[in-house]
Amino acid sequence: MDERLASMSPEELRGHMRSLGYRTQNELAEAIGVSRSAVSLWLEGKVGVPRPVAMLLRMLVAAQRRVY
């Protein structure tokens, strides 16, 4: 299976947040159109990161690496 389609661990989410320059849960939540509490649940591992969100973040990180 294509890894871009998989969900994402809390550690991977933290890494992508840093890579994309989001310092807070609120910054990420506003950027992707979800609640801060959703981001909090993902980072705590209580709820899995939805696949579309995981895919979006992976694509943004990959695009950032290609541009710079």
N, C-alpha and C. Protein backbone atom coordinates (compact mmCIF):
# COMPACT_ATOMS: atom_id res chain seq x y z
N MET A 1 0.83 -1.19 0.00
CA MET A 1 0.00 0.00 0.00
C MET A 1 0.88 1.25 0.00
N ASP A 2 0.43 2.27 -0.68
CA ASP A 2 1.15 3.54 -0.75
C ASP A 2 1.15 4.18 0.64
N GLU A 3 2.33 4.48 1.18
CA GLU A 3 2.42 5.03 2.54
C GLU A 3 1.72 6.38 2.67
N ARG A 4 1.57 7.12 1.58
CA ARG A 4 0.88 8.42 1.65
C ARG A 4 -0.59 8.27 2.00
N LEU A 5 -1.15 7.07 1.78
CA LEU A 5 -2.56 6.85 2.05
C LEU A 5 -2.83 6.32 3.45
N ALA A 6 -1.77 6.02 4.19
CA ALA A 6 -1.93 5.48 5.54
C ALA A 6 -2.21 6.59 6.53
N SER A 7 -2.67 6.20 7.71
CA SER A 7 -2.84 7.17 8.78
C SER A 7 -1.45 7.57 9.28
N MET A 8 -1.40 8.31 10.35
CA MET A 8 -0.13 8.88 10.79
C MET A 8 -0.03 8.78 12.31
N SER A 9 1.16 8.48 12.79
CA SER A 9 1.37 8.40 14.23
C SER A 9 1.46 9.81 14.81
N PRO A 10 1.25 9.93 16.13
CA PRO A 10 1.41 11.25 16.76
C PRO A 10 2.82 11.83 16.55
N GLU A 11 3.83 10.96 16.57
CA GLU A 11 5.21 11.43 16.38
C GLU A 11 5.40 11.98 14.97
N GLU A 12 4.85 11.29 13.98
CA GLU A 12 4.96 11.79 12.60
C GLU A 12 4.22 13.12 12.46
N LEU A 13 3.06 13.22 13.09
CA LEU A 13 2.30 14.47 13.04
C LEU A 13 3.11 15.61 13.65
N ARG A 14 3.73 15.38 14.81
CA ARG A 14 4.57 16.40 15.44
C ARG A 14 5.70 16.83 14.51
N GLY A 15 6.33 15.86 13.89
CA GLY A 15 7.44 16.16 12.97
C GLY A 15 6.99 16.99 11.78
N HIS A 16 5.84 16.65 11.23
CA HIS A 16 5.33 17.41 10.09
C HIS A 16 4.91 18.81 10.50
N MET A 17 4.34 18.93 11.69
CA MET A 17 4.00 20.26 12.19
C MET A 17 5.24 21.14 12.25
N ARG A 18 6.31 20.62 12.84
CA ARG A 18 7.56 21.38 12.94
C ARG A 18 8.11 21.72 11.56
N SER A 19 8.11 20.72 10.69
CA SER A 19 8.66 20.91 9.35
C SER A 19 7.91 22.00 8.59
N LEU A 20 6.61 22.07 8.80
CA LEU A 20 5.79 23.05 8.10
C LEU A 20 5.71 24.39 8.83
N GLY A 21 6.32 24.48 10.00
CA GLY A 21 6.39 25.75 10.71
C GLY A 21 5.22 26.03 11.64
N TYR A 22 4.40 25.03 11.94
CA TYR A 22 3.30 25.22 12.89
C TYR A 22 3.81 24.95 14.29
N ARG A 23 3.79 25.98 15.13
CA ARG A 23 4.32 25.85 16.49
C ARG A 23 3.27 25.39 17.49
N THR A 24 2.00 25.64 17.18
CA THR A 24 0.95 25.29 18.14
C THR A 24 -0.13 24.44 17.48
N GLN A 25 -0.89 23.77 18.33
CA GLN A 25 -2.03 23.00 17.83
C GLN A 25 -3.02 23.92 17.12
N ASN A 26 -3.20 25.10 17.68
CA ASN A 26 -4.16 26.04 17.10
C ASN A 26 -3.74 26.48 15.70
N GLU A 27 -2.45 26.72 15.49
CA GLU A 27 -1.96 27.12 14.17
C GLU A 27 -2.26 26.04 13.13
N LEU A 28 -1.97 24.79 13.48
CA LEU A 28 -2.25 23.70 12.54
C LEU A 28 -3.74 23.57 12.30
N ALA A 29 -4.52 23.62 13.38
CA ALA A 29 -5.98 23.48 13.25
C ALA A 29 -6.55 24.53 12.31
N GLU A 30 -6.14 25.77 12.48
CA GLU A 30 -6.64 26.84 11.61
C GLU A 30 -6.22 26.63 10.17
N ALA A 31 -5.00 26.17 9.97
CA ALA A 31 -4.47 25.99 8.62
C ALA A 31 -5.22 24.90 7.85
N ILE A 32 -5.65 23.84 8.54
CA ILE A 32 -6.29 22.73 7.82
C ILE A 32 -7.79 22.66 8.05
N GLY A 33 -8.33 23.62 8.82
CA GLY A 33 -9.78 23.71 8.96
C GLY A 33 -10.42 22.70 9.90
N VAL A 34 -9.71 22.40 10.99
CA VAL A 34 -10.28 21.51 12.01
C VAL A 34 -10.20 22.22 13.36
N SER A 35 -10.79 21.61 14.39
CA SER A 35 -10.73 22.22 15.72
C SER A 35 -9.38 21.92 16.37
N ARG A 36 -9.01 22.79 17.31
CA ARG A 36 -7.79 22.56 18.06
C ARG A 36 -7.90 21.28 18.88
N SER A 37 -9.10 20.99 19.36
CA SER A 37 -9.27 19.77 20.15
C SER A 37 -9.05 18.52 19.30
N ALA A 38 -9.39 18.57 18.01
CA ALA A 38 -9.12 17.42 17.12
C ALA A 38 -7.61 17.19 17.02
N VAL A 39 -6.87 18.27 16.82
CA VAL A 39 -5.41 18.16 16.73
C VAL A 39 -4.85 17.61 18.04
N SER A 40 -5.38 18.08 19.16
CA SER A 40 -4.93 17.60 20.47
C SER A 40 -5.15 16.09 20.60
N LEU A 41 -6.32 15.62 20.20
CA LEU A 41 -6.61 14.18 20.27
C LEU A 41 -5.66 13.37 19.39
N TRP A 42 -5.34 13.91 18.21
CA TRP A 42 -4.40 13.22 17.32
C TRP A 42 -3.02 13.14 17.95
N LEU A 43 -2.56 14.26 18.52
CA LEU A 43 -1.23 14.30 19.11
C LEU A 43 -1.12 13.42 20.35
N GLU A 44 -2.21 13.25 21.07
CA GLU A 44 -2.22 12.37 22.24
C GLU A 44 -2.39 10.90 21.85
N GLY A 45 -2.70 10.64 20.59
CA GLY A 45 -2.90 9.27 20.14
C GLY A 45 -4.25 8.69 20.54
N LYS A 46 -5.15 9.55 21.00
CA LYS A 46 -6.48 9.07 21.41
C LYS A 46 -7.39 8.82 20.23
N VAL A 47 -7.15 9.54 19.15
CA VAL A 47 -7.92 9.40 17.91
C VAL A 47 -6.91 9.40 16.78
N GLY A 48 -7.09 8.52 15.82
CA GLY A 48 -6.18 8.48 14.68
C GLY A 48 -6.33 9.70 13.79
N VAL A 49 -5.24 10.10 13.18
CA VAL A 49 -5.27 11.19 12.21
C VAL A 49 -6.03 10.69 10.99
N PRO A 50 -7.07 11.40 10.57
CA PRO A 50 -7.81 10.96 9.38
C PRO A 50 -6.89 10.85 8.17
N ARG A 51 -7.11 9.84 7.37
CA ARG A 51 -6.24 9.62 6.21
C ARG A 51 -6.13 10.83 5.29
N PRO A 52 -7.23 11.55 5.01
CA PRO A 52 -7.08 12.73 4.14
C PRO A 52 -6.17 13.80 4.75
N VAL A 53 -6.21 13.95 6.06
CA VAL A 53 -5.34 14.92 6.73
C VAL A 53 -3.89 14.45 6.65
N ALA A 54 -3.67 13.17 6.92
CA ALA A 54 -2.32 12.62 6.84
C ALA A 54 -1.76 12.79 5.43
N MET A 55 -2.58 12.52 4.44
CA MET A 55 -2.15 12.64 3.05
C MET A 55 -1.81 14.10 2.72
N LEU A 56 -2.65 15.03 3.15
CA LEU A 56 -2.41 16.44 2.91
C LEU A 56 -1.08 16.88 3.52
N LEU A 57 -0.86 16.53 4.78
CA LEU A 57 0.37 16.96 5.44
C LEU A 57 1.60 16.35 4.78
N ARG A 58 1.52 15.08 4.40
CA ARG A 58 2.66 14.45 3.71
C ARG A 58 2.94 15.13 2.37
N MET A 59 1.88 15.48 1.66
CA MET A 59 2.07 16.15 0.37
C MET A 59 2.68 17.54 0.56
N LEU A 60 2.25 18.27 1.58
CA LEU A 60 2.81 19.59 1.85
C LEU A 60 4.28 19.51 2.21
N VAL A 61 4.64 18.53 3.03
CA VAL A 61 6.05 18.36 3.41
C VAL A 61 6.87 17.99 2.18
N ALA A 62 6.37 17.09 1.35
CA ALA A 62 7.10 16.68 0.14
C ALA A 62 7.26 17.86 -0.81
N ALA A 63 6.22 18.67 -0.97
CA ALA A 63 6.29 19.83 -1.86
C ALA A 63 7.29 20.84 -1.33
N GLN A 64 7.32 21.03 -0.03
CA GLN A 64 8.24 21.96 0.59
C GLN A 64 9.69 21.53 0.34
N ARG A 65 9.92 20.24 0.41
CA ARG A 65 11.28 19.72 0.19
C ARG A 65 11.72 19.90 -1.26
N ARG A 66 10.79 19.79 -2.19
CA ARG A 66 11.13 19.95 -3.60
C ARG A 66 11.41 21.40 -3.93
N VAL A 67 10.69 22.32 -3.33
CA VAL A 67 10.84 23.74 -3.67
C VAL A 67 12.12 24.31 -3.11
N TYR A 68 12.47 23.91 -1.89
CA TYR A 68 13.65 24.52 -1.24
C TYR A 68 14.80 23.61 -1.39
